[in-house]
Amino acid sequence: MLEIYDPHHARVNAPAAAGGFARMVRRMIPACDNGGMTERKPIEYWLSDMDGVLVHEGRPVPGAEEFIRRLAASGKPFLVLTNNSIYTRRDLSARLAAAGLVVPAESIWTSALATARFLADQRPEGSAYVIGEAGLTTALHEADFVLTDIDPDYVVLGETRTYSFSQITRAIRLIEKGARFVATNPDPIGPSPEGSLPACGAVAAMITRATGVEPYFVGKPNPLMMRTAINVVGGHSESTAMIGDRMDTDIVAGIEAGLETILVLTGVTGKDEIARFPFRPHRVVASIADLIELV
């Protein structure tokens, strides 16, 4: 097990038998005091990003299988979070299973589900014109929303691999007529085997450019995504941890929601980038494997 460095407390939380990489991480991140912050409560609830934390390019990150197994055995509530709104939670559970990770569908929380819950709270049994896939349309149907292109309350933009000119044109005209503009997440690009693809944030920017109307993004880094997840597991911010691989989404959202934040270095944010941000995670670890003993 590698060392776990806690930049708030400037100490190593667990010894390492083979801590070469972790010692390098510790040297790269300057020690700092806790800035007067109070001690966190023991972690009783876990939230974790999916891509870059548990899986990478369809393969499990080393240690992810044991971490999930340990969580399930402990009985501690947990959710896997993702800004991906294309798939239903059952789809994502199956995709994780294909990678060797057993995560029940009910333990997955997507930006589509968070968006549906937000809209149901704002306007029960409302209506929406939707650009998106099954993950989003299913979530909205289950929230008792009517999907229509005739005078909808909202235009809801999600992820799809087939954004069409006619759909975007219709969305623009409905927003011009007064429909409120909501989007699942601000990610501008998404990955594919051939390279980057335009994602929800990029298409939202195009619609904003045409209408002058900014969307309300529900997914990360909006802390609302974290707060709805906490409600799902029945947790409290003081005893909930968020594990992520991106400082600009996972970590900042966790901080703003009052969670303990843990950055893993197996995804987007590298160790040399942490100091560039005006905020910092509570812990920085090499990978999810270093958190197994905390469960």
C-alpha atoms as a PDB file:
ATOM      1  CA  MET A   1       0.000   0.000   0.000  1.00  0.00           C
ATOM      2  CA  LEU A   2       1.323   3.449  -0.884  1.00  0.00           C
ATOM      3  CA  GLU A   3       1.475   6.327   1.523  1.00  0.00           C
ATOM      4  CA  ILE A   4      -1.523   8.602   1.739  1.00  0.00           C
ATOM      5  CA  TYR A   5      -0.600  12.250   1.884  1.00  0.00           C
ATOM      6  CA  ASP A   6      -2.994  14.679   3.500  1.00  0.00           C
ATOM      7  CA  PRO A   7      -2.115  18.248   2.394  1.00  0.00           C
ATOM      8  CA  HIS A   8      -4.412  19.833   4.981  1.00  0.00           C
ATOM      9  CA  HIS A   9      -2.735  18.078   7.882  1.00  0.00           C
ATOM     10  CA  ALA A  10       0.710  17.781   6.292  1.00  0.00           C
ATOM     11  CA  ARG A  11       1.268  14.245   7.449  1.00  0.00           C
ATOM     12  CA  VAL A  12       1.346  10.711   6.143  1.00  0.00           C
ATOM     13  CA  ASN A  13      -1.743   8.791   7.244  1.00  0.00           C
ATOM     14  CA  ALA A  14      -0.513   5.266   6.634  1.00  0.00           C
ATOM     15  CA  PRO A  15       2.937   3.662   6.316  1.00  0.00           C
ATOM     16  CA  ALA A  16       4.081   2.158   3.073  1.00  0.00           C
ATOM     17  CA  ALA A  17       5.976  -0.969   2.334  1.00  0.00           C
ATOM     18  CA  ALA A  18       6.763   0.269  -1.159  1.00  0.00           C
ATOM     19  CA  GLY A  19       6.148   3.986  -1.020  1.00  0.00           C
ATOM     20  CA  GLY A  20       8.489   5.240  -3.724  1.00  0.00           C
ATOM     21  CA  PHE A  21       5.827   6.844  -5.856  1.00  0.00           C
ATOM     22  CA  ALA A  22       3.934   8.193  -2.874  1.00  0.00           C
ATOM     23  CA  ARG A  23       7.131   9.748  -1.495  1.00  0.00           C
ATOM     24  CA  MET A  24       7.605  11.427  -4.850  1.00  0.00           C
ATOM     25  CA  VAL A  25       4.023  12.742  -4.644  1.00  0.00           C
ATOM     26  CA  ARG A  26       4.741  14.043  -1.159  1.00  0.00           C
ATOM     27  CA  ARG A  27       7.834  15.905  -2.352  1.00  0.00           C
ATOM     28  CA  MET A  28       5.938  17.435  -5.264  1.00  0.00           C
ATOM     29  CA  ILE A  29       3.135  18.783  -3.030  1.00  0.00           C
ATOM     30  CA  PRO A  30       4.425  21.301  -0.475  1.00  0.00           C
ATOM     31  CA  ALA A  31       3.488  20.701   3.128  1.00  0.00           C
ATOM     32  CA  CYS A  32       0.943  23.098   4.545  1.00  0.00           C
ATOM     33  CA  ASP A  33      -1.014  23.493   7.727  1.00  0.00           C
ATOM     34  CA  ASN A  34      -4.723  22.926   7.960  1.00  0.00           C
ATOM     35  CA  GLY A  35      -5.570  26.602   7.712  1.00  0.00           C
ATOM     36  CA  GLY A  36      -7.578  26.399  10.908  1.00  0.00           C
ATOM     37  CA  MET A  37      -9.974  23.818   9.486  1.00  0.00           C
ATOM     38  CA  THR A  38     -11.627  21.488  11.965  1.00  0.00           C
ATOM     39  CA  GLU A  39     -10.942  17.775  11.985  1.00  0.00           C
ATOM     40  CA  ARG A  40     -13.198  15.715   9.737  1.00  0.00           C
ATOM     41  CA  LYS A  41     -15.521  13.070  11.122  1.00  0.00           C
ATOM     42  CA  PRO A  42     -14.827   9.407  10.254  1.00  0.00           C
ATOM     43  CA  ILE A  43     -15.947   8.533   6.728  1.00  0.00           C
ATOM     44  CA  GLU A  44     -19.246   6.654   6.787  1.00  0.00           C
ATOM     45  CA  TYR A  45     -20.484   7.397   3.244  1.00  0.00           C
ATOM     46  CA  TRP A  46     -18.503   7.210   0.018  1.00  0.00           C
ATOM     47  CA  LEU A  47     -18.984   8.913  -3.340  1.00  0.00           C
ATOM     48  CA  SER A  48     -16.630   8.105  -6.201  1.00  0.00           C
ATOM     49  CA  ASP A  49     -16.191   9.304  -9.739  1.00  0.00           C
ATOM     50  CA  MET A  50     -16.111   6.516 -12.299  1.00  0.00           C
ATOM     51  CA  ASP A  51     -13.757   7.258 -15.209  1.00  0.00           C
ATOM     52  CA  GLY A  52     -10.194   7.853 -14.084  1.00  0.00           C
ATOM     53  CA  VAL A  53     -10.894   6.545 -10.581  1.00  0.00           C
ATOM     54  CA  LEU A  54     -12.423   3.081 -10.966  1.00  0.00           C
ATOM     55  CA  VAL A  55     -11.933   2.469 -14.684  1.00  0.00           C
ATOM     56  CA  HIS A  56      -9.674   3.808 -17.400  1.00  0.00           C
ATOM     57  CA  GLU A  57     -10.417   3.186 -21.077  1.00  0.00           C
ATOM     58  CA  GLY A  58     -12.768   0.355 -20.163  1.00  0.00           C
ATOM     59  CA  ARG A  59     -10.340  -1.412 -17.837  1.00  0.00           C
ATOM     60  CA  PRO A  60     -10.400  -1.427 -14.041  1.00  0.00           C
ATOM     61  CA  VAL A  61      -7.840   0.691 -12.236  1.00  0.00           C
ATOM     62  CA  PRO A  62      -5.679  -1.600 -10.072  1.00  0.00           C
ATOM     63  CA  GLY A  63      -7.244  -1.809  -6.631  1.00  0.00           C
ATOM     64  CA  ALA A  64     -10.721  -0.781  -7.771  1.00  0.00           C
ATOM     65  CA  GLU A  65     -12.173  -4.290  -7.563  1.00  0.00           C
ATOM     66  CA  GLU A  66     -10.948  -4.775  -3.990  1.00  0.00           C
ATOM     67  CA  PHE A  67     -12.080  -1.285  -2.978  1.00  0.00           C
ATOM     68  CA  ILE A  68     -15.621  -1.946  -4.231  1.00  0.00           C
ATOM     69  CA  ARG A  69     -15.643  -5.391  -2.641  1.00  0.00           C
ATOM     70  CA  ARG A  70     -14.498  -3.936   0.682  1.00  0.00           C
ATOM     71  CA  LEU A  71     -17.167  -1.233   0.536  1.00  0.00           C
ATOM     72  CA  ALA A  72     -19.898  -3.764  -0.159  1.00  0.00           C
ATOM     73  CA  ALA A  73     -18.716  -5.975   2.704  1.00  0.00           C
ATOM     74  CA  SER A  74     -18.556  -3.039   5.120  1.00  0.00           C
ATOM     75  CA  GLY A  75     -22.180  -2.098   4.543  1.00  0.00           C
ATOM     76  CA  LYS A  76     -21.231   1.557   4.193  1.00  0.00           C
ATOM     77  CA  PRO A  77     -23.463   3.335   1.655  1.00  0.00           C
ATOM     78  CA  PHE A  78     -21.719   4.409  -1.541  1.00  0.00           C
ATOM     79  CA  LEU A  79     -22.498   5.810  -4.961  1.00  0.00           C
ATOM     80  CA  VAL A  80     -20.512   5.874  -8.178  1.00  0.00           C
ATOM     81  CA  LEU A  81     -20.978   9.280  -9.815  1.00  0.00           C
ATOM     82  CA  THR A  82     -20.619  10.221 -13.462  1.00  0.00           C
ATOM     83  CA  ASN A  83     -21.401  13.218 -15.644  1.00  0.00           C
ATOM     84  CA  ASN A  84     -22.217  10.776 -18.445  1.00  0.00           C
ATOM     85  CA  SER A  85     -25.917  11.145 -19.233  1.00  0.00           C
ATOM     86  CA  ILE A  86     -26.029   8.778 -22.206  1.00  0.00           C
ATOM     87  CA  TYR A  87     -26.547   5.530 -20.314  1.00  0.00           C
ATOM     88  CA  THR A  88     -29.069   4.393 -17.726  1.00  0.00           C
ATOM     89  CA  ARG A  89     -27.757   3.203 -14.384  1.00  0.00           C
ATOM     90  CA  ARG A  90     -28.448  -0.400 -15.471  1.00  0.00           C
ATOM     91  CA  ASP A  91     -26.370   0.164 -18.608  1.00  0.00           C
ATOM     92  CA  LEU A  92     -23.497   1.543 -16.551  1.00  0.00           C
ATOM     93  CA  SER A  93     -23.727  -1.299 -14.045  1.00  0.00           C
ATOM     94  CA  ALA A  94     -23.372  -3.758 -16.927  1.00  0.00           C
ATOM     95  CA  ARG A  95     -20.409  -1.845 -18.364  1.00  0.00           C
ATOM     96  CA  LEU A  96     -18.671  -1.869 -14.983  1.00  0.00           C
ATOM     97  CA  ALA A  97     -19.388  -5.587 -14.629  1.00  0.00           C
ATOM     98  CA  ALA A  98     -17.717  -6.160 -17.991  1.00  0.00           C
ATOM     99  CA  ALA A  99     -14.638  -4.500 -16.501  1.00  0.00           C
ATOM    100  CA  GLY A 100     -14.810  -6.805 -13.482  1.00  0.00           C
ATOM    101  CA  LEU A 101     -16.402  -4.341 -11.050  1.00  0.00           C
ATOM    102  CA  VAL A 102     -19.626  -5.387  -9.317  1.00  0.00           C
ATOM    103  CA  VAL A 103     -21.608  -2.192  -8.748  1.00  0.00           C
ATOM    104  CA  PRO A 104     -25.401  -2.507  -8.399  1.00  0.00           C
ATOM    105  CA  ALA A 105     -27.477  -0.186 -10.575  1.00  0.00           C
ATOM    106  CA  GLU A 106     -28.896   1.507  -7.490  1.00  0.00           C
ATOM    107  CA  SER A 107     -25.341   2.457  -6.463  1.00  0.00           C
ATOM    108  CA  ILE A 108     -24.839   4.609  -9.574  1.00  0.00           C
ATOM    109  CA  TRP A 109     -25.772   8.284  -9.841  1.00  0.00           C
ATOM    110  CA  THR A 110     -25.582  10.146 -13.147  1.00  0.00           C
ATOM    111  CA  SER A 111     -25.953  13.766 -14.204  1.00  0.00           C
ATOM    112  CA  ALA A 112     -29.149  12.673 -15.975  1.00  0.00           C
ATOM    113  CA  LEU A 113     -30.652  11.404 -12.713  1.00  0.00           C
ATOM    114  CA  ALA A 114     -29.560  14.544 -10.875  1.00  0.00           C
ATOM    115  CA  THR A 115     -31.080  16.688 -13.632  1.00  0.00           C
ATOM    116  CA  ALA A 116     -34.377  14.798 -13.485  1.00  0.00           C
ATOM    117  CA  ARG A 117     -34.547  15.183  -9.706  1.00  0.00           C
ATOM    118  CA  PHE A 118     -33.765  18.897  -9.947  1.00  0.00           C
ATOM    119  CA  LEU A 119     -36.482  19.468 -12.550  1.00  0.00           C
ATOM    120  CA  ALA A 120     -39.042  17.404 -10.631  1.00  0.00           C
ATOM    121  CA  ASP A 121     -38.382  19.550  -7.566  1.00  0.00           C
ATOM    122  CA  GLN A 122     -38.589  22.765  -9.561  1.00  0.00           C
ATOM    123  CA  ARG A 123     -41.689  21.927 -11.586  1.00  0.00           C
ATOM    124  CA  PRO A 124     -43.465  18.677 -10.677  1.00  0.00           C
ATOM    125  CA  GLU A 125     -44.980  16.908 -13.701  1.00  0.00           C
ATOM    126  CA  GLY A 126     -43.504  19.498 -16.021  1.00  0.00           C
ATOM    127  CA  SER A 127     -42.596  19.159 -19.685  1.00  0.00           C
ATOM    128  CA  ALA A 128     -39.332  19.229 -21.599  1.00  0.00           C
ATOM    129  CA  TYR A 129     -37.882  19.117 -25.073  1.00  0.00           C
ATOM    130  CA  VAL A 130     -34.915  16.780 -24.735  1.00  0.00           C
ATOM    131  CA  ILE A 131     -31.751  16.339 -26.739  1.00  0.00           C
ATOM    132  CA  GLY A 132     -30.121  13.219 -25.340  1.00  0.00           C
ATOM    133  CA  GLU A 133     -30.066   9.466 -25.053  1.00  0.00           C
ATOM    134  CA  ALA A 134     -31.852   6.812 -22.987  1.00  0.00           C
ATOM    135  CA  GLY A 135     -30.071   7.751 -19.774  1.00  0.00           C
ATOM    136  CA  LEU A 136     -31.688  11.185 -19.817  1.00  0.00           C
ATOM    137  CA  THR A 137     -35.069  10.393 -21.334  1.00  0.00           C
ATOM    138  CA  THR A 138     -35.586   7.432 -18.978  1.00  0.00           C
ATOM    139  CA  ALA A 139     -34.713   9.549 -15.938  1.00  0.00           C
ATOM    140  CA  LEU A 140     -37.159  12.270 -16.981  1.00  0.00           C
ATOM    141  CA  HIS A 141     -39.947   9.777 -17.681  1.00  0.00           C
ATOM    142  CA  GLU A 142     -39.409   8.235 -14.244  1.00  0.00           C
ATOM    143  CA  ALA A 143     -39.651  11.744 -12.768  1.00  0.00           C
ATOM    144  CA  ASP A 144     -43.119  12.091 -14.366  1.00  0.00           C
ATOM    145  CA  PHE A 145     -42.005  14.615 -16.961  1.00  0.00           C
ATOM    146  CA  VAL A 146     -43.734  14.856 -20.329  1.00  0.00           C
ATOM    147  CA  LEU A 147     -41.317  14.935 -23.267  1.00  0.00           C
ATOM    148  CA  THR A 148     -42.622  17.195 -26.014  1.00  0.00           C
ATOM    149  CA  ASP A 149     -41.590  19.812 -28.549  1.00  0.00           C
ATOM    150  CA  ILE A 150     -44.828  21.788 -28.132  1.00  0.00           C
ATOM    151  CA  ASP A 151     -44.447  24.676 -25.676  1.00  0.00           C
ATOM    152  CA  PRO A 152     -42.266  22.778 -23.173  1.00  0.00           C
ATOM    153  CA  ASP A 153     -41.347  24.236 -19.808  1.00  0.00           C
ATOM    154  CA  TYR A 154     -37.704  23.365 -20.407  1.00  0.00           C
ATOM    155  CA  VAL A 155     -35.194  22.574 -23.093  1.00  0.00           C
ATOM    156  CA  VAL A 156     -32.964  19.889 -21.568  1.00  0.00           C
ATOM    157  CA  LEU A 157     -29.635  19.184 -23.231  1.00  0.00           C
ATOM    158  CA  GLY A 158     -27.678  16.022 -22.493  1.00  0.00           C
ATOM    159  CA  GLU A 159     -25.028  13.881 -24.145  1.00  0.00           C
ATOM    160  CA  THR A 160     -25.568  12.072 -27.425  1.00  0.00           C
ATOM    161  CA  ARG A 161     -23.318  10.736 -30.153  1.00  0.00           C
ATOM    162  CA  THR A 162     -25.755  12.050 -32.781  1.00  0.00           C
ATOM    163  CA  TYR A 163     -26.363  15.764 -32.208  1.00  0.00           C
ATOM    164  CA  SER A 164     -28.441  16.915 -35.168  1.00  0.00           C
ATOM    165  CA  PHE A 165     -28.841  20.330 -36.767  1.00  0.00           C
ATOM    166  CA  SER A 166     -32.628  20.019 -36.693  1.00  0.00           C
ATOM    167  CA  GLN A 167     -32.677  19.227 -32.946  1.00  0.00           C
ATOM    168  CA  ILE A 168     -30.408  22.140 -32.120  1.00  0.00           C
ATOM    169  CA  THR A 169     -32.457  24.472 -34.302  1.00  0.00           C
ATOM    170  CA  ARG A 170     -35.640  23.381 -32.536  1.00  0.00           C
ATOM    171  CA  ALA A 171     -34.025  23.911 -29.141  1.00  0.00           C
ATOM    172  CA  ILE A 172     -32.936  27.427 -30.111  1.00  0.00           C
ATOM    173  CA  ARG A 173     -36.430  28.385 -31.263  1.00  0.00           C
ATOM    174  CA  LEU A 174     -38.087  26.987 -28.137  1.00  0.00           C
ATOM    175  CA  ILE A 175     -35.680  28.895 -25.903  1.00  0.00           C
ATOM    176  CA  GLU A 176     -36.387  32.051 -27.893  1.00  0.00           C
ATOM    177  CA  LYS A 177     -40.078  31.487 -27.136  1.00  0.00           C
ATOM    178  CA  GLY A 178     -39.419  31.271 -23.403  1.00  0.00           C
ATOM    179  CA  ALA A 179     -38.468  27.689 -22.553  1.00  0.00           C
ATOM    180  CA  ARG A 180     -35.945  27.502 -19.718  1.00  0.00           C
ATOM    181  CA  PHE A 181     -32.548  26.076 -20.663  1.00  0.00           C
ATOM    182  CA  VAL A 182     -31.057  23.264 -18.554  1.00  0.00           C
ATOM    183  CA  ALA A 183     -28.084  21.027 -19.396  1.00  0.00           C
ATOM    184  CA  THR A 184     -26.783  17.896 -17.715  1.00  0.00           C
ATOM    185  CA  ASN A 185     -23.101  18.845 -17.594  1.00  0.00           C
ATOM    186  CA  PRO A 186     -20.617  21.434 -18.882  1.00  0.00           C
ATOM    187  CA  ASP A 187     -18.010  19.012 -20.283  1.00  0.00           C
ATOM    188  CA  PRO A 188     -16.991  20.457 -23.689  1.00  0.00           C
ATOM    189  CA  ILE A 189     -15.533  17.268 -25.148  1.00  0.00           C
ATOM    190  CA  GLY A 190     -15.807  13.524 -24.664  1.00  0.00           C
ATOM    191  CA  PRO A 191     -13.427  10.690 -25.552  1.00  0.00           C
ATOM    192  CA  SER A 192     -13.686   8.183 -28.376  1.00  0.00           C
ATOM    193  CA  PRO A 193     -11.258   5.696 -29.958  1.00  0.00           C
ATOM    194  CA  GLU A 194     -10.835   8.114 -32.867  1.00  0.00           C
ATOM    195  CA  GLY A 195     -10.256  11.181 -30.674  1.00  0.00           C
ATOM    196  CA  SER A 196     -12.275  13.899 -28.980  1.00  0.00           C
ATOM    197  CA  LEU A 197     -15.982  14.401 -29.649  1.00  0.00           C
ATOM    198  CA  PRO A 198     -18.067  17.532 -29.011  1.00  0.00           C
ATOM    199  CA  ALA A 199     -19.998  17.034 -25.789  1.00  0.00           C
ATOM    200  CA  CYS A 200     -22.818  18.722 -23.897  1.00  0.00           C
ATOM    201  CA  GLY A 201     -20.860  21.821 -22.908  1.00  0.00           C
ATOM    202  CA  ALA A 202     -19.783  22.565 -26.474  1.00  0.00           C
ATOM    203  CA  VAL A 203     -23.307  22.220 -27.871  1.00  0.00           C
ATOM    204  CA  ALA A 204     -24.692  24.288 -24.994  1.00  0.00           C
ATOM    205  CA  ALA A 205     -22.221  27.047 -25.875  1.00  0.00           C
ATOM    206  CA  MET A 206     -23.487  27.048 -29.452  1.00  0.00           C
ATOM    207  CA  ILE A 207     -27.111  27.355 -28.287  1.00  0.00           C
ATOM    208  CA  THR A 208     -26.139  30.133 -25.878  1.00  0.00           C
ATOM    209  CA  ARG A 209     -24.346  31.966 -28.667  1.00  0.00           C
ATOM    210  CA  ALA A 210     -27.507  31.806 -30.778  1.00  0.00           C
ATOM    211  CA  THR A 211     -30.007  32.714 -28.040  1.00  0.00           C
ATOM    212  CA  GLY A 212     -28.057  34.728 -25.497  1.00  0.00           C
ATOM    213  CA  VAL A 213     -29.423  32.380 -22.800  1.00  0.00           C
ATOM    214  CA  GLU A 214     -27.024  30.557 -20.483  1.00  0.00           C
ATOM    215  CA  PRO A 215     -28.033  27.040 -19.383  1.00  0.00           C
ATOM    216  CA  TYR A 216     -28.190  25.839 -15.806  1.00  0.00           C
ATOM    217  CA  PHE A 217     -25.731  22.941 -15.602  1.00  0.00           C
ATOM    218  CA  VAL A 218     -26.746  20.344 -13.018  1.00  0.00           C
ATOM    219  CA  GLY A 219     -23.777  17.959 -13.181  1.00  0.00           C
ATOM    220  CA  LYS A 220     -20.297  18.401 -11.764  1.00  0.00           C
ATOM    221  CA  PRO A 221     -18.822  20.844 -10.848  1.00  0.00           C
ATOM    222  CA  ASN A 222     -22.214  22.005  -9.581  1.00  0.00           C
ATOM    223  CA  PRO A 223     -22.290  20.951  -5.898  1.00  0.00           C
ATOM    224  CA  LEU A 224     -25.972  20.148  -6.420  1.00  0.00           C
ATOM    225  CA  MET A 225     -24.809  16.873  -7.992  1.00  0.00           C
ATOM    226  CA  MET A 226     -23.053  15.989  -4.739  1.00  0.00           C
ATOM    227  CA  ARG A 227     -25.924  17.094  -2.529  1.00  0.00           C
ATOM    228  CA  THR A 228     -28.467  15.004  -4.400  1.00  0.00           C
ATOM    229  CA  ALA A 229     -26.099  12.036  -4.153  1.00  0.00           C
ATOM    230  CA  ILE A 230     -25.792  12.543  -0.389  1.00  0.00           C
ATOM    231  CA  ASN A 231     -29.579  12.558  -0.145  1.00  0.00           C
ATOM    232  CA  VAL A 232     -29.746   9.298  -2.091  1.00  0.00           C
ATOM    233  CA  VAL A 233     -27.412   7.494   0.331  1.00  0.00           C
ATOM    234  CA  GLY A 234     -28.972   9.184   3.353  1.00  0.00           C
ATOM    235  CA  GLY A 235     -25.651  10.639   4.398  1.00  0.00           C
ATOM    236  CA  HIS A 236     -24.282  13.838   5.883  1.00  0.00           C
ATOM    237  CA  SER A 237     -21.630  16.069   4.347  1.00  0.00           C
ATOM    238  CA  GLU A 238     -19.482  15.953   7.496  1.00  0.00           C
ATOM    239  CA  SER A 239     -19.003  12.191   7.206  1.00  0.00           C
ATOM    240  CA  THR A 240     -19.017  11.753   3.415  1.00  0.00           C
ATOM    241  CA  ALA A 241     -15.974  11.507   1.147  1.00  0.00           C
ATOM    242  CA  MET A 242     -15.751  12.258  -2.571  1.00  0.00           C
ATOM    243  CA  ILE A 243     -13.059  10.516  -4.617  1.00  0.00           C
ATOM    244  CA  GLY A 244     -12.199  12.071  -7.967  1.00  0.00           C
ATOM    245  CA  ASP A 245      -9.479  12.473 -10.568  1.00  0.00           C
ATOM    246  CA  ARG A 246     -10.237  16.063 -11.617  1.00  0.00           C
ATOM    247  CA  MET A 247      -9.554  19.141  -9.537  1.00  0.00           C
ATOM    248  CA  ASP A 248     -11.864  21.294 -11.680  1.00  0.00           C
ATOM    249  CA  THR A 249     -14.960  19.099 -11.318  1.00  0.00           C
ATOM    250  CA  ASP A 250     -14.830  16.349  -8.691  1.00  0.00           C
ATOM    251  CA  ILE A 251     -12.752  18.133  -6.082  1.00  0.00           C
ATOM    252  CA  VAL A 252     -14.204  21.639  -6.333  1.00  0.00           C
ATOM    253  CA  ALA A 253     -17.757  20.249  -6.279  1.00  0.00           C
ATOM    254  CA  GLY A 254     -16.934  18.141  -3.242  1.00  0.00           C
ATOM    255  CA  ILE A 255     -15.415  21.106  -1.430  1.00  0.00           C
ATOM    256  CA  GLU A 256     -18.406  23.325  -2.175  1.00  0.00           C
ATOM    257  CA  ALA A 257     -20.736  20.592  -0.915  1.00  0.00           C
ATOM    258  CA  GLY A 258     -18.771  20.322   2.330  1.00  0.00           C
ATOM    259  CA  LEU A 259     -17.389  16.821   1.707  1.00  0.00           C
ATOM    260  CA  GLU A 260     -14.005  15.317   2.454  1.00  0.00           C
ATOM    261  CA  THR A 261     -12.241  15.339  -0.912  1.00  0.00           C
ATOM    262  CA  ILE A 262      -9.716  12.786  -2.135  1.00  0.00           C
ATOM    263  CA  LEU A 263      -7.788  13.227  -5.396  1.00  0.00           C
ATOM    264  CA  VAL A 264      -6.400  10.145  -7.140  1.00  0.00           C
ATOM    265  CA  LEU A 265      -3.607  10.532  -9.679  1.00  0.00           C
ATOM    266  CA  THR A 266      -4.845   7.914 -12.150  1.00  0.00           C
ATOM    267  CA  GLY A 267      -6.946  10.275 -14.263  1.00  0.00           C
ATOM    268  CA  VAL A 268      -6.948  13.818 -15.586  1.00  0.00           C
ATOM    269  CA  THR A 269      -5.183  15.920 -12.941  1.00  0.00           C
ATOM    270  CA  GLY A 270      -1.468  15.248 -12.554  1.00  0.00           C
ATOM    271  CA  LYS A 271       0.540  15.816  -9.392  1.00  0.00           C
ATOM    272  CA  ASP A 272       2.288  18.845 -10.900  1.00  0.00           C
ATOM    273  CA  GLU A 273      -1.050  20.567 -11.602  1.00  0.00           C
ATOM    274  CA  ILE A 274      -2.490  20.556  -8.078  1.00  0.00           C
ATOM    275  CA  ALA A 275      -0.675  23.687  -6.914  1.00  0.00           C
ATOM    276  CA  ARG A 276      -2.182  25.716  -9.777  1.00  0.00           C
ATOM    277  CA  PHE A 277      -5.638  25.644  -8.212  1.00  0.00           C
ATOM    278  CA  PRO A 278      -6.765  28.058  -5.474  1.00  0.00           C
ATOM    279  CA  PHE A 279      -8.322  25.160  -3.564  1.00  0.00           C
ATOM    280  CA  ARG A 280      -6.915  21.838  -2.467  1.00  0.00           C
ATOM    281  CA  PRO A 281      -8.194  18.353  -1.696  1.00  0.00           C
ATOM    282  CA  HIS A 282      -8.084  16.945   1.811  1.00  0.00           C
ATOM    283  CA  ARG A 283      -6.042  13.991   0.570  1.00  0.00           C
ATOM    284  CA  VAL A 284      -3.956  13.124  -2.492  1.00  0.00           C
ATOM    285  CA  VAL A 285      -3.225   9.473  -3.257  1.00  0.00           C
ATOM    286  CA  ALA A 286      -1.617   7.615  -6.114  1.00  0.00           C
ATOM    287  CA  SER A 287      -4.677   5.466  -6.814  1.00  0.00           C
ATOM    288  CA  ILE A 288      -7.868   3.979  -5.406  1.00  0.00           C
ATOM    289  CA  ALA A 289      -5.745   1.103  -4.073  1.00  0.00           C
ATOM    290  CA  ASP A 290      -4.397   3.433  -1.388  1.00  0.00           C
ATOM    291  CA  LEU A 291      -7.877   3.932   0.068  1.00  0.00           C
ATOM    292  CA  ILE A 292      -8.788   0.303   0.675  1.00  0.00           C
ATOM    293  CA  GLU A 293      -7.598   0.386   4.278  1.00  0.00           C
ATOM    294  CA  LEU A 294      -9.774   3.433   5.004  1.00  0.00           C
ATOM    295  CA  VAL A 295     -13.003   1.534   4.342  1.00  0.00           C
END
